[in-house]
Structure formats: C-alpha cells, structure tokens
Amino acid sequence: MSDHIKGAIRANRLPIWVLAAITVLAVAEPWIRQAQSSRPWRDFTGQTPFVAVTVTSSSVTPEGLQLMGDMIKRRCEYRGLAAYVVIGGTSYRAVVDTSAEEELRPPGSRPPNRLKQPWGPWEIVWPADKAIPERYELWAYHQCPREKTVQVNLFVEGKWEGR
C-alpha cells in the first residue's frame, strides 16, 4: 500500500469507522428487531405484561380442565386468551371459559400491581368423549402502549392430569 493511500486512510479514519458501523447495523437490523420482539428480551426489559405466573389449582372436570393461580401484572391492556391442548404432538385450539372468575372479580384488564393478583377459575373446555390431552397452553393477548400490534405471550402451560 502506498504512503499516499495510508495517509488518506489515517486522515479519514473517523468517517471510515462510521461507515463501517452503519454497514454492520444495517446488516444486523433484522436480527436486532427479532431479538427485541422475543419473549426473553421482553422479560429482561420489563415489557412483558405479566410475570411470576403460577398455577395454584388444577382439576379435571367433566367439561375440561379448571385452572386457578396468581401472577404479577406489570403493564398493558388485556385483550383476550387462547387455549390449546396437545394430543400426540398436535396442538388443538380449545375454548377458555372465564365466566366463573367474572362472578368473583370485575371482568377485563387488571391494573398493574407489584403484588401478586389471583386469576381464575378458568376452564379449558375439552369434552370427556374426546381424546385426553397430554398438555395445555394458555396464551394471553395484550395491547401495550406505543405498540401497534397486539402482544401475544405464553401465559401458562402444563400437563393435563386426571380423567
């Protein structure tokens, strides 16, 4: 490399580094965006609407599986629940009945709180004449401030035991 080129590189070191940094960020941007929308990142940065979800009661009923528990609600407005049951490695959508809880507490979004709040009883409706599920999943939908899309997070999952 000639002295002339070396001198030009030394004289323009800052713009070259800025251009290199912009190039790296442009290439990495899709991965950065994906990481920021991941559940571990949202948990780490406090963006997940709830934390510390526990199941305190689980019982199989003739209608399905009744669950109760507690959680800490951090942020966002509740928009709904979805339930899935897993049978033989296939996930099937199921109905979630929250009417029993609505008799105990006001329906809708809970306010954020630093303390645990109860949830349930919720019933994952799955008729006794169908195959017995191995597992269940409950997914929660929330609309969060400054986010255009509804945030969907796994609320709780576990084994379907009984029957």
Protein backbone atom coordinates (compact mmCIF):
# COMPACT_ATOMS: atom_id res chain seq x y z
CA MET A 1 0.00 0.00 0.00
CA SER A 2 1.41 3.37 -0.96
CA ASP A 3 2.16 6.13 1.51
CA HIS A 4 -0.48 8.26 -0.22
CA ILE A 5 -3.25 5.67 0.48
CA LYS A 6 -2.05 5.11 4.06
CA GLY A 7 -2.13 8.86 4.65
CA ALA A 8 -5.66 9.12 3.21
CA ILE A 9 -6.87 6.28 5.47
CA ARG A 10 -5.29 7.91 8.54
CA ALA A 11 -6.79 11.28 7.68
CA ASN A 12 -10.27 9.77 7.17
CA ARG A 13 -10.25 7.21 9.98
CA LEU A 14 -13.42 8.53 11.71
CA PRO A 15 -15.61 8.60 8.57
CA ILE A 16 -14.41 5.11 7.62
CA TRP A 17 -15.31 3.76 11.10
CA VAL A 18 -18.71 5.49 10.98
CA LEU A 19 -19.41 3.97 7.55
CA ALA A 20 -18.34 0.54 8.81
CA ALA A 21 -20.58 0.85 11.89
CA ILE A 22 -23.58 1.90 9.75
CA THR A 23 -22.97 -1.06 7.45
CA VAL A 24 -22.83 -3.50 10.39
CA LEU A 25 -26.03 -2.06 11.91
CA ALA A 26 -27.85 -2.19 8.57
CA VAL A 27 -26.92 -5.83 8.10
CA ALA A 28 -27.73 -6.74 11.74
CA GLU A 29 -31.02 -4.77 11.94
CA PRO A 30 -33.36 -7.71 11.15
CA TRP A 31 -31.71 -9.82 13.87
CA ILE A 32 -31.85 -6.93 16.34
CA ARG A 33 -35.57 -6.41 15.64
CA GLN A 34 -36.26 -10.13 16.05
CA ALA A 35 -34.35 -10.24 19.35
CA GLN A 36 -36.25 -7.21 20.66
CA SER A 37 -39.59 -8.89 19.94
CA SER A 38 -38.60 -12.16 21.65
CA ARG A 39 -40.08 -13.15 24.99
CA PRO A 40 -36.71 -13.37 26.81
CA TRP A 41 -35.83 -9.82 25.71
CA ARG A 42 -39.28 -8.50 26.71
CA ASP A 43 -38.98 -10.24 30.10
CA PHE A 44 -35.47 -8.84 30.65
CA THR A 45 -36.50 -5.28 29.73
CA GLY A 46 -39.83 -5.37 31.61
CA GLN A 47 -42.02 -5.23 28.51
CA THR A 48 -43.95 -8.46 29.10
CA PRO A 49 -47.40 -7.62 30.54
CA PHE A 50 -47.12 -10.19 33.35
CA VAL A 51 -44.53 -12.18 35.29
CA ALA A 52 -44.36 -14.82 38.02
CA VAL A 53 -47.39 -16.78 36.79
CA THR A 54 -48.14 -19.80 38.96
CA VAL A 55 -50.90 -22.40 38.92
CA THR A 56 -52.24 -22.92 42.44
CA SER A 57 -55.07 -25.30 41.49
CA SER A 58 -55.64 -27.62 38.55
CA SER A 59 -58.53 -30.07 38.36
CA VAL A 60 -60.09 -32.09 35.59
CA THR A 61 -63.87 -31.63 35.36
CA PRO A 62 -66.47 -33.18 33.07
CA GLU A 63 -66.20 -30.01 30.94
CA GLY A 64 -62.39 -29.89 30.73
CA LEU A 65 -59.61 -28.57 32.94
CA GLN A 66 -60.16 -25.88 35.57
CA LEU A 67 -57.16 -23.74 36.50
CA MET A 68 -56.51 -21.06 39.10
CA GLY A 69 -53.37 -19.24 40.10
CA ASP A 70 -51.68 -15.92 40.61
CA MET A 71 -49.43 -13.56 38.70
CA ILE A 72 -47.92 -10.10 38.81
CA LYS A 73 -49.45 -7.77 36.22
CA ARG A 74 -46.92 -5.16 35.04
CA ARG A 75 -48.45 -3.29 32.12
CA CYS A 76 -50.72 -3.23 29.04
CA GLU A 77 -54.45 -3.74 28.45
CA TYR A 78 -55.84 -7.28 28.39
CA ARG A 79 -57.38 -8.27 25.05
CA GLY A 80 -58.13 -11.97 25.45
CA LEU A 81 -56.99 -15.55 25.96
CA ALA A 82 -56.45 -18.52 23.70
CA ALA A 83 -56.15 -22.12 24.83
CA TYR A 84 -54.54 -25.07 23.15
CA VAL A 85 -54.45 -28.72 24.11
CA VAL A 86 -51.71 -31.02 22.88
CA ILE A 87 -52.58 -34.57 21.83
CA GLY A 88 -49.98 -36.80 20.20
CA GLY A 89 -47.72 -33.87 19.38
CA THR A 90 -50.50 -31.88 17.67
CA SER A 91 -51.83 -28.64 19.13
CA TYR A 92 -55.63 -28.12 19.02
CA ARG A 93 -57.40 -24.86 19.76
CA ALA A 94 -59.84 -25.04 22.70
CA VAL A 95 -62.34 -22.68 24.30
CA VAL A 96 -61.43 -20.82 27.50
CA ASP A 97 -64.38 -20.10 29.79
CA THR A 98 -63.62 -17.27 32.23
CA SER A 99 -67.21 -16.73 33.40
CA ALA A 100 -66.58 -18.21 36.89
CA GLU A 101 -63.87 -15.61 37.50
CA GLU A 102 -66.10 -12.81 36.23
CA GLU A 103 -68.56 -13.68 39.02
CA LEU A 104 -65.75 -13.16 41.58
CA ARG A 105 -63.92 -10.15 40.12
CA PRO A 106 -64.65 -7.44 37.57
CA PRO A 107 -64.03 -8.65 34.02
CA GLY A 108 -61.47 -7.05 31.74
CA SER A 109 -57.98 -5.73 32.27
CA ARG A 110 -56.39 -5.82 35.69
CA PRO A 111 -54.47 -2.74 36.77
CA PRO A 112 -50.70 -3.14 37.09
CA ASN A 113 -49.55 -4.08 40.57
CA ARG A 114 -46.28 -5.02 42.27
CA LEU A 115 -48.09 -7.67 44.30
CA LYS A 116 -49.48 -10.99 43.15
CA GLN A 117 -53.02 -10.98 41.83
CA PRO A 118 -55.26 -14.04 41.55
CA TRP A 119 -56.51 -15.32 38.21
CA GLY A 120 -59.18 -17.92 37.54
CA PRO A 121 -61.00 -20.11 37.87
CA TRP A 122 -60.66 -20.54 34.12
CA GLU A 123 -61.92 -23.64 32.34
CA ILE A 124 -60.24 -25.04 29.26
CA VAL A 125 -63.26 -26.68 27.65
CA TRP A 126 -62.47 -30.14 26.27
CA PRO A 127 -65.29 -32.74 26.26
CA ALA A 128 -64.73 -36.02 28.09
CA ASP A 129 -65.65 -38.03 24.97
CA LYS A 130 -62.64 -36.66 23.05
CA ALA A 131 -59.06 -37.90 23.36
CA ILE A 132 -57.41 -36.96 26.64
CA PRO A 133 -54.90 -34.14 26.15
CA GLU A 134 -51.33 -34.57 27.34
CA ARG A 135 -50.65 -30.86 27.86
CA TYR A 136 -52.32 -27.47 27.76
CA GLU A 137 -51.21 -23.94 26.91
CA LEU A 138 -52.85 -20.61 27.68
CA TRP A 139 -51.82 -17.60 25.60
CA ALA A 140 -52.64 -14.03 26.62
CA TYR A 141 -53.23 -11.12 24.26
CA HIS A 142 -52.42 -7.56 25.40
CA GLN A 143 -52.36 -4.16 23.76
CA CYS A 144 -49.35 -2.29 25.08
CA PRO A 145 -48.61 1.45 24.97
CA ARG A 146 -46.67 2.65 21.93
CA GLU A 147 -47.02 -0.75 20.21
CA LYS A 148 -49.10 -1.04 17.05
CA THR A 149 -49.61 -4.78 17.26
CA VAL A 150 -51.19 -6.88 19.98
CA GLN A 151 -48.55 -8.65 22.10
CA VAL A 152 -49.12 -12.41 22.39
CA ASN A 153 -47.36 -14.29 25.20
CA LEU A 154 -47.48 -17.77 26.64
CA PHE A 155 -49.28 -17.24 29.95
CA VAL A 156 -49.04 -20.73 31.42
CA GLU A 157 -48.58 -24.31 30.27
CA GLY A 158 -48.62 -27.67 31.96
CA LYS A 159 -49.58 -31.32 31.98
CA TRP A 160 -53.23 -32.29 31.67
CA GLU A 161 -53.57 -34.66 34.59
CA GLY A 162 -56.63 -36.63 35.58
CA ARG A 163 -59.69 -38.14 33.93
